[in-house]
N, C-alpha and C. Protein backbone atom coordinates (compact mmCIF):
# COMPACT_ATOMS: atom_id res chain seq x y z
N MET A 1 -120.35 -198.18 -9.89
CA MET A 1 -120.75 -196.92 -11.27
C MET A 1 -120.30 -197.47 -12.82
N ALA A 2 -121.40 -196.48 -13.40
CA ALA A 2 -120.57 -196.57 -14.89
C ALA A 2 -119.24 -196.33 -15.20
N ARG A 3 -118.41 -196.35 -16.43
CA ARG A 3 -117.88 -195.70 -16.29
C ARG A 3 -117.96 -194.53 -17.36
N GLN A 4 -117.13 -194.01 -17.65
CA GLN A 4 -117.90 -193.43 -18.91
C GLN A 4 -117.35 -193.26 -20.50
N PHE A 5 -118.63 -193.04 -21.01
CA PHE A 5 -117.50 -193.67 -23.03
C PHE A 5 -116.21 -192.88 -23.03
N PRO A 6 -115.24 -193.81 -22.81
CA PRO A 6 -113.79 -193.31 -23.62
C PRO A 6 -113.83 -192.30 -24.38
N LEU A 7 -114.62 -192.09 -25.00
CA LEU A 7 -113.84 -192.02 -26.84
C LEU A 7 -114.85 -189.98 -26.66
N ALA A 8 -115.69 -189.76 -25.80
CA ALA A 8 -116.57 -189.21 -25.21
C ALA A 8 -116.23 -187.51 -25.82
N GLY A 9 -114.94 -187.53 -25.71
CA GLY A 9 -114.53 -186.11 -25.41
C GLY A 9 -113.48 -185.90 -27.18
N LEU A 10 -113.59 -187.23 -28.40
CA LEU A 10 -113.53 -187.11 -29.21
C LEU A 10 -114.81 -187.37 -29.82
N LEU A 11 -115.78 -187.88 -29.61
CA LEU A 11 -117.58 -187.60 -29.74
C LEU A 11 -118.40 -186.58 -30.03
N ARG A 12 -117.59 -185.44 -28.62
CA ARG A 12 -117.61 -184.29 -28.35
C ARG A 12 -117.17 -182.91 -30.08
N LEU A 13 -115.82 -183.71 -29.79
CA LEU A 13 -115.61 -182.63 -31.23
C LEU A 13 -115.45 -182.61 -33.09
N LYS A 14 -116.33 -184.47 -32.63
CA LYS A 14 -116.69 -184.55 -34.19
C LYS A 14 -118.50 -184.21 -33.32
N GLN A 15 -119.13 -184.36 -32.66
CA GLN A 15 -119.93 -183.00 -32.69
C GLN A 15 -119.84 -181.66 -33.05
N LEU A 16 -118.87 -181.39 -32.17
CA LEU A 16 -118.63 -179.02 -32.42
C LEU A 16 -118.64 -179.46 -34.19
N ARG A 17 -117.91 -180.04 -35.15
CA ARG A 17 -117.52 -180.18 -36.17
C ARG A 17 -118.69 -180.62 -36.94
N GLU A 18 -119.39 -181.11 -37.10
CA GLU A 18 -121.05 -181.65 -37.53
C GLU A 18 -121.66 -179.94 -37.48
N ASP A 19 -121.92 -179.32 -36.27
CA ASP A 19 -122.61 -178.85 -36.31
C ASP A 19 -122.44 -177.44 -36.64
N GLU A 20 -120.42 -177.37 -36.81
CA GLU A 20 -120.07 -176.43 -38.19
C GLU A 20 -120.29 -176.46 -38.96
N ALA A 21 -120.59 -177.71 -40.09
CA ALA A 21 -120.18 -177.66 -41.44
C ALA A 21 -121.69 -178.15 -41.16
N ALA A 22 -122.27 -178.19 -40.20
CA ALA A 22 -124.03 -177.40 -40.52
C ALA A 22 -124.58 -176.11 -40.95
N GLY A 23 -123.94 -176.11 -40.15
CA GLY A 23 -123.75 -173.67 -39.73
C GLY A 23 -123.31 -173.60 -41.95
N THR A 24 -122.83 -174.18 -42.25
CA THR A 24 -121.78 -173.54 -43.19
C THR A 24 -122.66 -173.75 -44.43
N LEU A 25 -123.49 -175.12 -44.32
CA LEU A 25 -124.36 -175.82 -45.43
C LEU A 25 -125.50 -174.91 -45.59
N SER A 26 -125.45 -174.46 -44.67
CA SER A 26 -126.92 -173.11 -43.98
C SER A 26 -126.90 -172.04 -44.41
N ALA A 27 -126.05 -171.75 -44.82
CA ALA A 27 -125.33 -170.52 -45.06
C ALA A 27 -125.07 -169.91 -47.09
N ALA A 28 -124.39 -171.67 -47.12
CA ALA A 28 -124.26 -171.72 -48.66
C ALA A 28 -125.80 -171.53 -49.17
N ASN A 29 -126.36 -172.91 -47.95
CA ASN A 29 -127.61 -173.10 -49.43
C ASN A 29 -128.23 -171.13 -49.47
N GLU A 30 -128.48 -170.63 -48.45
CA GLU A 30 -129.14 -169.27 -47.93
C GLU A 30 -128.55 -168.53 -49.06
N ARG A 31 -126.91 -168.36 -49.24
CA ARG A 31 -126.47 -167.42 -50.95
C ARG A 31 -127.07 -167.40 -52.13
N LEU A 32 -126.74 -168.86 -52.23
CA LEU A 32 -127.75 -169.57 -53.40
C LEU A 32 -128.79 -169.10 -53.25
N ARG A 33 -129.68 -169.44 -52.47
CA ARG A 33 -131.52 -169.36 -52.74
C ARG A 33 -131.23 -167.87 -53.60
N ALA A 34 -130.35 -166.50 -51.92
CA ALA A 34 -130.21 -165.16 -52.67
C ALA A 34 -129.87 -165.07 -54.33
N SER A 35 -128.75 -165.50 -54.30
CA SER A 35 -128.05 -165.15 -55.81
C SER A 35 -130.03 -165.52 -56.80
N ARG A 36 -130.46 -166.81 -56.72
CA ARG A 36 -130.96 -167.25 -57.31
C ARG A 36 -132.40 -165.90 -57.49
N ALA A 37 -132.81 -165.92 -56.23
CA ALA A 37 -134.15 -164.39 -57.04
C ALA A 37 -132.97 -163.49 -57.41
N ARG A 38 -132.55 -163.17 -56.93
CA ARG A 38 -131.57 -162.05 -57.71
C ARG A 38 -131.58 -161.84 -59.27
N THR A 39 -130.99 -163.20 -59.62
CA THR A 39 -131.27 -164.01 -61.29
C THR A 39 -132.19 -163.51 -61.75
N ASP A 40 -133.26 -164.28 -61.34
CA ASP A 40 -134.81 -164.32 -61.29
C ASP A 40 -135.31 -163.10 -61.55
N GLY A 41 -135.21 -161.28 -60.35
CA GLY A 41 -135.42 -160.46 -60.78
C GLY A 41 -134.67 -159.77 -61.87
N VAL A 42 -133.42 -159.70 -62.35
CA VAL A 42 -132.77 -159.43 -63.34
C VAL A 42 -133.19 -160.16 -64.70
N SER A 43 -133.77 -161.46 -64.85
CA SER A 43 -134.88 -162.04 -65.92
C SER A 43 -136.34 -161.35 -65.87
N GLU A 44 -136.99 -161.66 -64.89
CA GLU A 44 -137.93 -160.56 -65.19
C GLU A 44 -138.28 -159.42 -65.85
N ALA A 45 -137.13 -158.53 -64.61
CA ALA A 45 -136.88 -157.27 -65.62
C ALA A 45 -136.49 -157.25 -66.87
N LEU A 46 -135.75 -158.07 -67.25
CA LEU A 46 -135.31 -157.60 -68.80
C LEU A 46 -135.84 -158.36 -69.13
N GLU A 47 -137.01 -159.11 -69.22
CA GLU A 47 -138.09 -159.64 -70.25
C GLU A 47 -139.64 -158.91 -69.77
N GLY A 48 -139.78 -158.01 -69.16
CA GLY A 48 -140.97 -157.21 -68.61
C GLY A 48 -140.45 -155.60 -69.44
N THR A 49 -140.24 -154.79 -70.05
CA THR A 49 -139.14 -154.14 -70.74
C THR A 49 -139.95 -154.06 -72.33
N ASP A 50 -140.96 -153.55 -72.13
CA ASP A 50 -141.48 -153.64 -73.73
C ASP A 50 -141.29 -152.09 -74.41
N LEU A 51 -140.02 -151.30 -74.62
CA LEU A 51 -140.34 -150.34 -75.31
C LEU A 51 -140.10 -149.57 -76.57
N ASP A 52 -140.66 -148.56 -76.37
CA ASP A 52 -140.98 -148.28 -78.53
C ASP A 52 -139.91 -147.24 -77.90
N PRO A 53 -138.67 -147.39 -78.70
CA PRO A 53 -137.85 -146.58 -78.70
C PRO A 53 -138.27 -144.56 -79.88
N ALA A 54 -138.31 -143.93 -79.79
CA ALA A 54 -138.68 -142.09 -80.46
C ALA A 54 -137.43 -142.56 -81.36
N GLY A 55 -136.60 -142.54 -81.10
CA GLY A 55 -135.69 -142.11 -82.02
C GLY A 55 -133.98 -143.12 -82.63
N SER A 56 -133.50 -142.71 -82.68
CA SER A 56 -132.15 -143.31 -82.52
C SER A 56 -131.30 -143.51 -81.11
N ALA A 57 -131.44 -141.72 -80.10
CA ALA A 57 -131.10 -142.42 -79.65
C ALA A 57 -131.18 -142.74 -77.90
N SER A 58 -132.73 -142.95 -78.56
CA SER A 58 -133.61 -143.86 -77.43
C SER A 58 -133.11 -145.40 -77.81
N LEU A 59 -133.10 -145.64 -79.06
CA LEU A 59 -133.11 -147.00 -78.87
C LEU A 59 -131.47 -147.40 -79.18
N TYR A 60 -130.26 -146.26 -79.43
CA TYR A 60 -129.44 -146.48 -78.54
C TYR A 60 -129.43 -147.34 -76.98
N ALA A 61 -129.97 -145.93 -76.03
CA ALA A 61 -130.22 -146.19 -74.61
C ALA A 61 -130.23 -147.28 -74.37
N VAL A 62 -131.64 -148.26 -75.10
CA VAL A 62 -132.76 -149.17 -74.60
C VAL A 62 -131.20 -150.05 -75.04
N ALA A 63 -130.78 -149.88 -75.56
CA ALA A 63 -130.46 -151.12 -76.87
C ALA A 63 -128.56 -151.11 -75.29
N ALA A 64 -128.05 -150.35 -75.25
CA ALA A 64 -127.21 -149.85 -73.99
C ALA A 64 -127.76 -150.79 -72.66
N ALA A 65 -128.45 -150.41 -72.66
CA ALA A 65 -129.41 -150.91 -71.06
C ALA A 65 -129.73 -152.32 -71.56
N ARG A 66 -130.30 -152.41 -72.20
CA ARG A 66 -130.14 -154.28 -72.36
C ARG A 66 -128.84 -154.92 -72.07
N ALA A 67 -127.34 -154.36 -73.10
CA ALA A 67 -126.64 -155.18 -73.02
C ALA A 67 -126.64 -155.20 -71.52
N SER A 68 -126.31 -153.83 -70.85
CA SER A 68 -126.18 -154.26 -69.48
C SER A 68 -126.28 -155.16 -68.74
N ALA A 69 -127.52 -155.39 -68.78
CA ALA A 69 -128.53 -156.44 -67.85
C ALA A 69 -127.96 -157.82 -68.29
N ARG A 70 -127.80 -157.52 -69.80
CA ARG A 70 -127.50 -158.83 -69.84
C ARG A 70 -125.92 -159.51 -69.74
N SER A 71 -125.49 -158.17 -69.41
CA SER A 71 -123.83 -158.93 -69.30
C SER A 71 -124.33 -159.01 -67.77
N MET A 72 -124.95 -158.40 -66.93
CA MET A 72 -125.54 -158.80 -65.51
C MET A 72 -125.48 -159.76 -64.91
N LEU A 73 -126.79 -160.22 -65.95
CA LEU A 73 -127.46 -162.04 -66.03
C LEU A 73 -126.48 -163.00 -65.83
N ALA A 74 -125.41 -162.94 -67.09
CA ALA A 74 -124.66 -163.39 -66.96
C ALA A 74 -122.86 -163.87 -66.20
N ASP A 75 -123.35 -162.38 -65.74
CA ASP A 75 -122.28 -162.41 -63.61
C ASP A 75 -123.07 -162.83 -62.81
N LEU A 76 -124.48 -163.05 -62.62
CA LEU A 76 -124.86 -163.27 -62.13
C LEU A 76 -125.55 -165.03 -62.03
N HIS A 77 -125.45 -165.39 -62.84
CA HIS A 77 -125.40 -167.20 -63.61
C HIS A 77 -124.21 -167.27 -63.08
N ALA A 78 -123.05 -166.71 -63.22
CA ALA A 78 -121.89 -167.38 -62.99
C ALA A 78 -121.33 -167.09 -61.27
N LEU A 79 -122.21 -166.20 -61.17
CA LEU A 79 -122.11 -166.32 -59.05
C LEU A 79 -122.84 -167.78 -59.09
N GLU A 80 -123.99 -167.71 -59.84
CA GLU A 80 -124.82 -169.34 -59.19
C GLU A 80 -124.02 -170.25 -59.35
N ALA A 81 -123.65 -170.41 -60.27
CA ALA A 81 -122.89 -171.95 -60.60
C ALA A 81 -121.22 -172.09 -59.74
N ARG A 82 -121.00 -170.71 -58.96
CA ARG A 82 -119.97 -170.92 -58.12
C ARG A 82 -120.46 -170.79 -56.89
N LEU A 83 -121.87 -170.62 -56.37
CA LEU A 83 -122.18 -170.66 -55.65
C LEU A 83 -122.77 -172.12 -55.28
N ARG A 84 -123.07 -172.46 -56.28
CA ARG A 84 -124.08 -173.97 -56.52
C ARG A 84 -122.49 -175.08 -56.14
N ALA A 85 -121.40 -174.80 -56.66
CA ALA A 85 -120.04 -175.38 -56.44
C ALA A 85 -120.07 -175.61 -54.66
N GLU A 86 -120.00 -174.00 -53.78
CA GLU A 86 -119.54 -174.15 -52.68
C GLU A 86 -120.89 -175.00 -52.03
N GLN A 87 -121.84 -174.92 -52.11
CA GLN A 87 -123.26 -175.50 -51.49
C GLN A 87 -123.05 -177.34 -51.24
N GLU A 88 -123.14 -177.38 -52.98
CA GLU A 88 -122.75 -179.18 -53.04
C GLU A 88 -121.25 -179.75 -51.90
N HIS A 89 -120.12 -178.21 -52.11
CA HIS A 89 -119.18 -178.77 -51.30
C HIS A 89 -119.69 -178.65 -50.32
N ALA A 90 -119.79 -177.67 -49.28
CA ALA A 90 -120.69 -177.53 -47.84
C ALA A 90 -121.48 -179.61 -47.94
N GLN A 91 -122.06 -179.31 -49.11
CA GLN A 91 -123.32 -180.58 -48.63
C GLN A 91 -122.07 -182.08 -47.73
N ILE A 92 -120.49 -181.71 -49.12
CA ILE A 92 -120.38 -183.34 -49.00
C ILE A 92 -119.20 -182.97 -47.61
N VAL A 93 -118.99 -181.79 -47.20
CA VAL A 93 -118.09 -181.62 -45.73
C VAL A 93 -119.19 -182.54 -44.43
N TYR A 94 -121.04 -181.78 -44.33
CA TYR A 94 -121.71 -181.60 -43.50
C TYR A 94 -121.63 -183.27 -43.41
N ARG A 95 -122.18 -184.25 -44.64
CA ARG A 95 -122.43 -185.30 -44.81
C ARG A 95 -121.38 -186.52 -43.88
N GLY A 96 -119.78 -186.17 -44.31
CA GLY A 96 -118.89 -186.73 -43.89
C GLY A 96 -118.83 -186.13 -42.66
N ALA A 97 -119.09 -185.90 -42.31
CA ALA A 97 -118.73 -184.72 -40.23
C ALA A 97 -120.02 -185.63 -39.94
N ARG A 98 -121.47 -185.53 -40.78
CA ARG A 98 -122.91 -186.32 -39.87
C ARG A 98 -122.36 -187.87 -39.79
N ALA A 99 -121.69 -188.31 -40.85
CA ALA A 99 -120.93 -190.26 -40.56
C ALA A 99 -120.63 -190.36 -39.72
N ASP A 100 -118.83 -189.38 -39.54
CA ASP A 100 -118.09 -189.73 -39.14
C ASP A 100 -119.36 -190.01 -37.45
N THR A 101 -119.79 -188.58 -37.18
CA THR A 101 -120.80 -188.33 -35.73
C THR A 101 -121.29 -189.53 -35.45
N LYS A 102 -122.09 -190.53 -36.53
CA LYS A 102 -122.78 -191.08 -36.06
C LYS A 102 -122.39 -191.96 -36.03
N GLY A 103 -120.85 -192.97 -36.02
CA GLY A 103 -120.85 -193.61 -35.76
C GLY A 103 -120.47 -193.89 -34.79
N LEU A 104 -119.80 -192.92 -34.26
CA LEU A 104 -119.36 -192.56 -32.45
C LEU A 104 -120.67 -192.58 -31.86
N GLU A 105 -121.60 -192.35 -32.22
CA GLU A 105 -122.64 -192.49 -31.60
C GLU A 105 -122.99 -193.57 -31.08
N LYS A 106 -122.80 -194.71 -32.44
CA LYS A 106 -123.55 -195.91 -32.16
C LYS A 106 -122.62 -196.45 -31.45
N LEU A 107 -121.36 -196.28 -31.29
CA LEU A 107 -120.55 -196.42 -30.35
C LEU A 107 -120.80 -196.85 -28.23
N GLU A 108 -121.16 -195.19 -28.74
CA GLU A 108 -121.21 -194.45 -26.78
C GLU A 108 -122.58 -195.59 -26.86
N THR A 109 -123.88 -195.57 -27.76
CA THR A 109 -124.59 -195.98 -27.31
C THR A 109 -124.43 -197.58 -26.83
N ARG A 110 -123.41 -198.43 -27.17
CA ARG A 110 -123.10 -199.62 -27.01
C ARG A 110 -122.49 -199.46 -26.13
N HIS A 111 -121.51 -198.83 -25.67
CA HIS A 111 -120.99 -198.47 -24.43
C HIS A 111 -121.96 -198.82 -23.42
N ALA A 112 -122.90 -197.47 -23.25
CA ALA A 112 -124.08 -197.31 -22.43
C ALA A 112 -125.00 -198.67 -22.36
N GLU A 113 -125.23 -199.12 -22.98
CA GLU A 113 -125.62 -200.46 -23.15
C GLU A 113 -125.20 -201.16 -22.09
N GLY A 114 -122.83 -201.67 -22.55
CA GLY A 114 -122.66 -203.35 -21.94
C GLY A 114 -122.84 -202.27 -20.35
N GLU A 115 -123.00 -201.20 -20.10
CA GLU A 115 -122.89 -200.26 -19.27
C GLU A 115 -123.72 -200.80 -18.14
N ALA A 116 -125.37 -200.51 -19.09
CA ALA A 116 -125.73 -200.65 -18.11
C ALA A 116 -126.09 -202.75 -17.85
N ARG A 117 -126.11 -203.11 -18.99
CA ARG A 117 -126.07 -204.84 -18.52
C ARG A 117 -125.30 -204.99 -17.48
N ALA A 118 -123.52 -204.32 -17.09
CA ALA A 118 -123.23 -205.05 -16.11
C ALA A 118 -123.49 -204.30 -14.97
N LEU A 119 -123.81 -203.59 -14.40
CA LEU A 119 -125.27 -202.94 -13.30
C LEU A 119 -125.82 -203.65 -13.34
N LEU A 120 -127.42 -203.78 -14.35
CA LEU A 120 -128.08 -205.01 -13.48
C LEU A 120 -127.29 -205.93 -13.35
N GLY A 121 -126.19 -207.07 -14.01
CA GLY A 121 -125.86 -207.83 -13.05
C GLY A 121 -125.43 -207.55 -11.49
N ALA A 122 -124.59 -207.21 -11.86
CA ALA A 122 -124.29 -206.94 -10.73
C ALA A 122 -125.02 -205.99 -9.59
N ASP A 123 -126.17 -206.09 -9.78
CA ASP A 123 -127.49 -205.82 -8.85
C ASP A 123 -127.95 -206.67 -8.45
N GLN A 124 -128.18 -207.57 -9.30
CA GLN A 124 -128.47 -208.91 -9.55
C GLN A 124 -127.84 -209.93 -8.66
N ARG A 125 -126.32 -209.93 -8.48
CA ARG A 125 -125.05 -211.02 -7.85
C ARG A 125 -125.65 -210.37 -6.31
N ILE A 126 -125.74 -208.70 -6.54
CA ILE A 126 -125.95 -208.68 -4.65
C ILE A 126 -127.42 -209.39 -4.37
N LEU A 127 -128.19 -209.21 -5.08
CA LEU A 127 -130.17 -209.10 -4.55
C LEU A 127 -129.50 -211.49 -4.58
N ASP A 128 -129.28 -211.76 -5.20
CA ASP A 128 -128.85 -212.96 -5.22
C ASP A 128 -127.90 -214.01 -3.88
N GLU A 129 -127.37 -212.93 -3.29
CA GLU A 129 -126.47 -213.09 -2.59
C GLU A 129 -127.22 -212.81 -0.81
N ILE A 130 -127.78 -211.70 -1.29
CA ILE A 130 -129.11 -211.62 -0.01
C ILE A 130 -129.73 -212.02 0.46
N ALA A 131 -130.62 -213.15 -1.21
CA ALA A 131 -131.12 -213.94 -1.16
C ALA A 131 -130.83 -214.81 -0.49
N SER A 132 -129.67 -215.84 -0.89
CA SER A 132 -128.92 -216.30 -0.39
C SER A 132 -128.53 -217.20 0.66
N THR A 133 -127.97 -215.47 1.50
CA THR A 133 -127.79 -215.66 3.24
C THR A 133 -128.72 -215.70 4.01
N GLY A 134 -129.89 -214.99 3.69
CA GLY A 134 -130.73 -214.83 4.09
C GLY A 134 -131.68 -216.82 4.11
N ARG A 135 -131.69 -216.87 3.23
CA ARG A 135 -132.26 -218.40 3.54
C ARG A 135 -131.25 -219.05 4.29
N LEU A 136 -129.66 -218.83 4.28
CA LEU A 136 -128.43 -219.55 5.55
C LEU A 136 -128.77 -219.78 6.85
N GLN A 137 -129.19 -218.06 6.91
CA GLN A 137 -129.61 -217.52 8.12
C GLN A 137 -131.08 -218.33 8.73
N HIS A 138 -131.47 -218.42 8.23
CA HIS A 138 -133.47 -218.48 8.00
C HIS A 138 -133.09 -220.08 9.00
N THR A 139 -132.43 -221.07 7.23
CA THR A 139 -132.21 -222.12 7.78
C THR A 139 -132.15 -222.60 9.62
N ALA A 140 -130.67 -221.66 9.77
CA ALA A 140 -129.64 -222.74 10.41
C ALA A 140 -131.13 -221.61 12.27
N LYS A 141 -131.95 -220.70 12.48
CA LYS A 141 -132.05 -220.66 12.88
C LYS A 141 -133.71 -221.87 13.15
N ASP A 142 -133.77 -221.62 12.15
CA ASP A 142 -135.04 -223.30 11.76
C ASP A 142 -134.41 -224.58 13.01
N ARG A 143 -132.96 -224.65 13.01
CA ARG A 143 -132.15 -225.93 13.05
C ARG A 143 -131.94 -225.34 15.06
N ALA A 144 -131.93 -224.75 15.22
CA ALA A 144 -131.73 -224.50 15.87
C ALA A 144 -133.08 -224.30 17.43
């Protein structure tokens, strides 16, 4: 009977950590995409305003609105930079978790191959023994 991979529990833990890191990376990617979409929307809206103010009050209102939109755009750029840093960190964590898991998976594969070779060797020894015992019995019957 084949022995279980001795590091199976550790491998499962590493796989769980890899899955968690993949989920974190996916969430970071989604937050970054959403932030970029918001930033692009505000940029387009800011570029698309082509107002012709009629008086000084209208001009002040347009200037205030544009200043507010530019401030919001600056905040969105800062948020996007922070989200990009989080995404890069999540990518690094995922790559590390994947490397840890991959190393253990290779060990597990080698273990399974070794166990399969051992089972095949045992089967071959049994077949050889049966064949040699059968020959001995057959030779003894021929002599008798």
